[in-house]
């Protein structure tokens, strides 16, 4: 059975050689040293790195026959890069994990065993403990909670990035046509049997993650707009709430004038009403504009990515 590992790279080419060494060791223990070259392929997708990552990947690919590289013309985003890698795979089982080895390569085999034992088409990892900074733990947890709330899908809040998928699952995933890619949402939408198993987590060996707070927020916004109409429904609720609030304030002024006192002209109530109503209008308009922008991108139907270079025996995709 052939394994394909898809590994996105963005300025992390320095970690590729050590990753391949660990992957080779893990698969040699399972398949045998002689079978690694035949039964394993590692596909690095360089997502427009701005350092010498591509040169490092070329060097690794020249030394290890099971390593292949797809270099994109610019940075298209992690989930698009992963989708590109999926389209270039030939394996019966396809795994996805990051090059930083927070999820060690040998955990792919743990997930593959769970996939076979449970009859699943996709198996993802779960963390019992994650050795990362507290701030990153909080933001990751909140993102998963919000996505579960906004989409209505049961996404585990302690889910890892590593996963293993059957060829059938990958073929159906590759048939999807939308330009907006949020992998966890698409995985659930496809409807195949999904399992989870606890995996081991370790600290990143070198450097720090390129996913800073700004990039996380951008990914969260893109994911929510791509997979949920809840913000649109929320904007309607906000509009109704502001309208109801305005009617109540108006009624209060009328009752006060008729039965209690003659109102003096003032600016406080007027300013408050303008601020509340104006803010609600801007919010509703902004939410609608995000969706319109996403519709424009989908209607333009541009390619999901542009490949600059392929290294190794890879299919056109």
Protein backbone atom coordinates (compact mmCIF):
# COMPACT_ATOMS: atom_id res chain seq x y z
CA UNK A 1 0.00 0.00 0.00
CA UNK A 2 1.47 3.32 -1.08
CA UNK A 3 1.54 6.30 1.30
CA UNK A 4 1.55 9.94 0.21
CA UNK A 5 2.42 12.65 2.73
CA UNK A 6 1.48 16.23 1.85
CA UNK A 7 3.55 18.86 3.65
CA UNK A 8 2.99 22.60 3.03
CA UNK A 9 6.04 24.85 3.31
CA UNK A 10 6.20 28.58 3.90
CA UNK A 11 9.69 29.81 4.81
CA UNK A 12 10.29 26.51 6.65
CA UNK A 13 12.53 24.76 4.16
CA UNK A 14 15.28 24.43 6.76
CA UNK A 15 13.14 21.84 8.56
CA UNK A 16 12.55 19.62 5.52
CA UNK A 17 15.68 17.47 5.77
CA UNK A 18 15.11 16.53 9.40
CA UNK A 19 11.42 15.87 8.67
CA UNK A 20 12.32 13.48 5.85
CA UNK A 21 14.84 11.69 8.04
CA UNK A 22 12.19 11.11 10.72
CA UNK A 23 9.58 10.06 8.15
CA UNK A 24 12.00 7.60 6.54
CA UNK A 25 12.87 6.08 9.92
CA UNK A 26 9.21 5.66 10.92
CA UNK A 27 8.14 4.11 7.61
CA UNK A 28 11.23 1.90 7.39
CA UNK A 29 10.27 0.35 10.72
CA UNK A 30 6.80 -0.41 9.35
CA UNK A 31 7.48 -1.23 5.69
CA UNK A 32 11.13 -2.27 5.71
CA UNK A 33 14.11 -0.24 4.52
CA UNK A 34 13.92 -1.52 0.95
CA UNK A 35 10.22 -0.70 0.59
CA UNK A 36 10.40 2.95 1.62
CA UNK A 37 11.42 4.18 -1.83
CA UNK A 38 8.54 2.27 -3.48
CA UNK A 39 5.75 2.76 -0.94
CA UNK A 40 6.30 6.31 0.33
CA UNK A 41 6.19 9.71 -1.33
CA UNK A 42 6.60 13.00 0.50
CA UNK A 43 5.19 15.95 -1.44
CA UNK A 44 6.35 19.35 -0.24
CA UNK A 45 4.27 22.28 -1.51
CA UNK A 46 6.25 25.50 -1.35
CA UNK A 47 3.64 28.21 -0.87
CA UNK A 48 5.63 31.13 -2.25
CA UNK A 49 8.36 31.14 0.40
CA UNK A 50 10.39 34.35 0.58
CA UNK A 51 13.66 32.82 1.74
CA UNK A 52 15.85 29.97 0.49
CA UNK A 53 13.25 27.27 1.25
CA UNK A 54 12.83 26.22 -2.38
CA UNK A 55 16.58 25.79 -2.82
CA UNK A 56 16.68 23.63 0.31
CA UNK A 57 13.78 21.55 -0.99
CA UNK A 58 15.57 21.02 -4.30
CA UNK A 59 18.59 19.72 -2.38
CA UNK A 60 16.50 17.31 -0.30
CA UNK A 61 14.66 16.05 -3.39
CA UNK A 62 17.98 15.42 -5.15
CA UNK A 63 19.21 13.30 -2.23
CA UNK A 64 16.01 11.37 -1.44
CA UNK A 65 14.07 9.76 -4.31
CA UNK A 66 10.79 9.63 -2.38
CA UNK A 67 10.74 13.44 -1.97
CA UNK A 68 8.86 15.54 -4.52
CA UNK A 69 8.26 19.28 -4.64
CA UNK A 70 5.57 21.54 -6.05
CA UNK A 71 6.51 25.23 -6.00
CA UNK A 72 3.66 27.72 -6.30
CA UNK A 73 4.15 31.06 -8.02
CA UNK A 74 3.20 33.04 -4.90
CA UNK A 75 1.67 32.61 -1.48
CA UNK A 76 -1.88 31.30 -2.00
CA UNK A 77 -2.54 30.28 1.62
CA UNK A 78 -1.99 27.08 3.56
CA UNK A 79 -5.28 25.37 2.73
CA UNK A 80 -4.87 26.03 -0.99
CA UNK A 81 -1.31 24.68 -0.82
CA UNK A 82 -2.57 21.52 0.86
CA UNK A 83 -5.28 21.17 -1.80
CA UNK A 84 -2.57 21.45 -4.44
CA UNK A 85 -0.63 18.67 -2.71
CA UNK A 86 -3.70 16.43 -2.63
CA UNK A 87 -4.09 16.76 -6.39
CA UNK A 88 -0.51 15.58 -6.93
CA UNK A 89 -0.75 12.44 -4.78
CA UNK A 90 -0.82 8.88 -6.03
CA UNK A 91 -0.99 7.02 -2.72
CA UNK A 92 -3.69 4.65 -1.54
CA UNK A 93 -3.54 6.53 1.77
CA UNK A 94 -2.82 10.26 1.94
CA UNK A 95 -1.58 11.98 5.07
CA UNK A 96 -1.29 15.66 5.84
CA UNK A 97 0.98 17.14 8.50
CA UNK A 98 3.23 20.13 9.02
CA UNK A 99 6.98 20.18 8.63
CA UNK A 100 7.61 21.50 12.15
CA UNK A 101 7.07 17.98 13.60
CA UNK A 102 4.78 19.17 16.37
CA UNK A 103 2.89 16.15 15.06
CA UNK A 104 5.73 13.63 14.51
CA UNK A 105 5.69 11.70 11.21
CA UNK A 106 5.25 8.36 12.99
CA UNK A 107 1.79 9.52 14.09
CA UNK A 108 0.63 9.14 10.48
CA UNK A 109 0.99 5.39 10.93
CA UNK A 110 -1.09 5.55 14.12
CA UNK A 111 -3.87 7.24 12.18
CA UNK A 112 -3.52 4.81 9.27
CA UNK A 113 -4.02 1.87 11.66
CA UNK A 114 -7.13 3.55 13.11
CA UNK A 115 -8.49 4.18 9.62
CA UNK A 116 -8.12 0.52 8.68
CA UNK A 117 -9.50 -0.77 11.98
CA UNK A 118 -12.52 1.53 12.02
CA UNK A 119 -13.43 1.36 8.35
CA UNK A 120 -13.17 5.16 8.07
CA UNK A 121 -12.27 7.28 5.07
CA UNK A 122 -10.60 9.95 7.16
CA UNK A 123 -9.04 9.90 10.62
CA UNK A 124 -7.80 13.00 12.41
CA UNK A 125 -5.69 13.41 15.49
CA UNK A 126 -6.77 14.67 18.90
CA UNK A 127 -4.50 16.20 21.51
CA UNK A 128 -4.62 15.16 25.16
CA UNK A 129 -1.93 17.71 25.88
CA UNK A 130 -0.36 20.32 23.63
CA UNK A 131 2.97 21.81 24.59
CA UNK A 132 2.46 25.31 23.17
CA UNK A 133 2.18 28.83 24.64
CA UNK A 134 -1.02 29.60 26.54
CA UNK A 135 -2.04 32.37 24.15
CA UNK A 136 -1.88 30.02 21.17
CA UNK A 137 -3.90 27.42 23.07
CA UNK A 138 -6.61 29.96 23.84
CA UNK A 139 -6.87 31.31 20.28
CA UNK A 140 -6.95 27.80 18.76
CA UNK A 141 -9.63 26.69 21.21
CA UNK A 142 -11.76 29.78 20.63
CA UNK A 143 -11.47 29.40 16.85
CA UNK A 144 -12.70 25.80 16.96
CA UNK A 145 -15.53 26.72 19.34
CA UNK A 146 -16.66 29.60 17.12
CA UNK A 147 -16.50 27.48 13.96
CA UNK A 148 -18.56 24.74 15.59
CA UNK A 149 -21.09 27.36 16.68
CA UNK A 150 -21.25 29.17 13.35
CA UNK A 151 -21.43 26.11 11.11
CA UNK A 152 -23.38 23.75 13.34
CA UNK A 153 -20.78 21.04 12.79
CA UNK A 154 -19.27 19.11 15.66
CA UNK A 155 -15.61 20.07 15.29
CA UNK A 156 -13.46 18.84 18.20
CA UNK A 157 -11.85 21.75 20.01
CA UNK A 158 -8.69 19.70 20.65
CA UNK A 159 -8.23 18.55 17.05
CA UNK A 160 -4.71 18.41 15.61
CA UNK A 161 -3.71 19.20 12.05
CA UNK A 162 -2.42 15.71 11.22
CA UNK A 163 -4.83 13.42 9.37
CA UNK A 164 -4.92 10.39 7.09
CA UNK A 165 -7.41 9.91 4.24
CA UNK A 166 -8.39 7.14 1.86
CA UNK A 167 -7.93 7.42 -1.89
CA UNK A 168 -11.70 7.58 -2.30
CA UNK A 169 -11.91 10.58 0.01
CA UNK A 170 -9.05 12.39 -1.78
CA UNK A 171 -10.60 11.81 -5.20
CA UNK A 172 -13.90 13.34 -4.09
CA UNK A 173 -12.11 16.23 -2.37
CA UNK A 174 -10.16 16.94 -5.57
CA UNK A 175 -13.47 17.19 -7.46
CA UNK A 176 -14.54 20.23 -5.42
CA UNK A 177 -14.47 23.44 -7.42
CA UNK A 178 -14.79 26.36 -4.99
CA UNK A 179 -11.89 28.73 -4.57
CA UNK A 180 -12.45 29.31 -0.86
CA UNK A 181 -10.83 26.44 1.00
CA UNK A 182 -11.32 25.60 4.67
CA UNK A 183 -10.22 22.00 5.03
CA UNK A 184 -12.03 20.97 8.25
CA UNK A 185 -15.31 22.29 6.89
CA UNK A 186 -14.92 20.57 3.52
CA UNK A 187 -13.96 17.32 5.23
CA UNK A 188 -17.18 17.35 7.23
CA UNK A 189 -19.27 18.47 4.24
CA UNK A 190 -18.14 15.52 2.12
CA UNK A 191 -19.89 13.25 4.58
CA UNK A 192 -17.49 10.30 4.67
CA UNK A 193 -16.93 8.31 7.85
CA UNK A 194 -14.68 10.41 10.10
CA UNK A 195 -12.77 9.00 13.04
CA UNK A 196 -10.47 10.48 15.66
CA UNK A 197 -7.60 9.05 17.66
CA UNK A 198 -5.28 10.56 20.25
CA UNK A 199 -1.86 11.51 18.87
CA UNK A 200 1.39 12.55 20.45
CA UNK A 201 2.41 16.20 20.38
CA UNK A 202 5.87 17.65 20.84
CA UNK A 203 7.42 21.09 20.75
CA UNK A 204 8.51 22.54 17.43
CA UNK A 205 12.18 21.68 16.94
CA UNK A 206 13.38 24.89 15.29
CA UNK A 207 12.02 28.41 14.96
CA UNK A 208 8.51 29.68 15.57
CA UNK A 209 5.25 29.29 13.71
CA UNK A 210 4.53 31.78 10.92
CA UNK A 211 0.89 31.84 12.03
CA UNK A 212 0.80 35.07 14.01
CA UNK A 213 -2.36 36.63 15.42
CA UNK A 214 -3.06 38.62 12.24
CA UNK A 215 -2.86 35.53 10.01
CA UNK A 216 -5.03 33.55 12.40
CA UNK A 217 -7.69 36.25 12.37
CA UNK A 218 -7.60 36.42 8.57
CA UNK A 219 -7.97 32.64 8.31
CA UNK A 220 -10.83 32.71 10.81
CA UNK A 221 -12.66 35.40 8.83
CA UNK A 222 -12.15 33.59 5.51
CA UNK A 223 -13.30 30.30 7.04
CA UNK A 224 -16.45 31.79 8.56
CA UNK A 225 -17.43 33.61 5.36
CA UNK A 226 -16.77 30.46 3.31
CA UNK A 227 -18.74 28.04 5.43
CA UNK A 228 -21.46 29.84 7.28
CA UNK A 229 -24.28 32.26 6.55
CA UNK A 230 -24.65 32.91 10.26
CA UNK A 231 -23.11 36.43 10.04
CA UNK A 232 -25.81 37.36 7.50
CA UNK A 233 -28.53 36.03 9.77
CA UNK A 234 -26.90 37.81 12.70
CA UNK A 235 -26.91 41.10 10.78
CA UNK A 236 -30.67 40.73 10.28
CA UNK A 237 -31.10 40.18 14.01
CA UNK A 238 -28.96 43.22 14.77
CA UNK A 239 -31.09 45.30 12.40
CA UNK A 240 -34.32 44.12 14.04
CA UNK A 241 -32.87 44.73 17.50
CA UNK A 242 -31.83 48.29 16.66
CA UNK A 243 -35.23 48.97 15.10
CA UNK A 244 -36.99 47.65 18.20
CA UNK A 245 -34.71 49.72 20.42
CA UNK A 246 -35.47 52.84 18.38
CA UNK A 247 -39.23 52.23 18.65
CA UNK A 248 -38.96 51.76 22.41
CA UNK A 249 -37.00 54.99 22.80
CA UNK A 250 -39.55 56.83 20.66
CA UNK A 251 -42.42 55.40 22.70
CA UNK A 252 -40.71 56.40 25.93
CA UNK A 253 -40.33 59.99 24.72
CA UNK A 254 -43.98 60.14 23.64
CA UNK A 255 -45.24 58.78 26.97
CA UNK A 256 -42.95 61.13 28.87
CA UNK A 257 -44.18 64.13 26.90
CA UNK A 258 -47.89 63.29 27.19
CA UNK A 259 -48.11 62.31 30.84
CA UNK A 260 -45.12 63.57 32.76
CA UNK A 261 -43.29 66.62 31.48
CA UNK A 262 -42.57 68.84 28.56
CA UNK A 263 -39.32 67.61 27.00
CA UNK A 264 -36.56 70.12 26.58
CA UNK A 265 -34.62 69.98 23.32
CA UNK A 266 -31.28 68.20 23.73
CA UNK A 267 -28.54 66.48 21.91
CA UNK A 268 -27.78 63.44 24.06
CA UNK A 269 -30.70 61.30 22.95
CA UNK A 270 -30.29 62.34 19.32
CA UNK A 271 -26.57 61.60 19.34
CA UNK A 272 -27.13 58.22 21.00
CA UNK A 273 -29.76 57.21 18.46
CA UNK A 274 -27.61 58.29 15.51
CA UNK A 275 -24.59 56.44 16.89
CA UNK A 276 -26.46 53.19 17.54
CA UNK A 277 -28.35 53.16 14.26
CA UNK A 278 -25.32 54.28 12.23
CA UNK A 279 -23.12 51.63 13.82
CA UNK A 280 -25.67 48.92 13.09
CA UNK A 281 -25.95 50.05 9.48
CA UNK A 282 -22.19 49.98 9.01
CA UNK A 283 -21.99 46.51 10.59
CA UNK A 284 -24.74 45.07 8.41
CA UNK A 285 -23.30 46.67 5.27
CA UNK A 286 -19.81 45.39 6.11
CA UNK A 287 -20.99 41.81 6.60
CA UNK A 288 -22.88 41.88 3.33
CA UNK A 289 -19.85 43.34 1.54
CA UNK A 290 -17.65 40.45 2.72
CA UNK A 291 -20.05 37.96 1.17
CA UNK A 292 -20.33 39.98 -2.03
CA UNK A 293 -16.54 40.04 -2.29
CA UNK A 294 -16.44 36.28 -1.87
CA UNK A 295 -19.11 35.85 -4.56
CA UNK A 296 -17.01 38.00 -6.91
CA UNK A 297 -13.97 35.81 -6.33
CA UNK A 298 -15.95 32.64 -7.05
CA UNK A 299 -17.60 34.09 -10.17
CA UNK A 300 -14.21 35.08 -11.59
CA UNK A 301 -13.32 31.36 -11.46
CA UNK A 302 -9.57 31.91 -11.44
CA UNK A 303 -7.34 28.85 -10.93
CA UNK A 304 -7.03 27.72 -7.34
CA UNK A 305 -3.25 28.06 -7.60
CA UNK A 306 -0.47 28.54 -10.15
CA UNK A 307 2.45 26.10 -10.22
CA UNK A 308 5.86 27.59 -10.96
CA UNK A 309 7.89 24.38 -10.80
CA UNK A 310 7.53 20.65 -10.20
CA UNK A 311 10.41 18.55 -8.94
CA UNK A 312 10.21 14.77 -9.16
CA UNK A 313 7.79 12.39 -10.81
CA UNK A 314 4.54 14.25 -10.34
CA UNK A 315 1.30 14.27 -12.35
CA UNK A 316 0.03 17.47 -13.90
CA UNK A 317 -2.68 18.86 -11.64
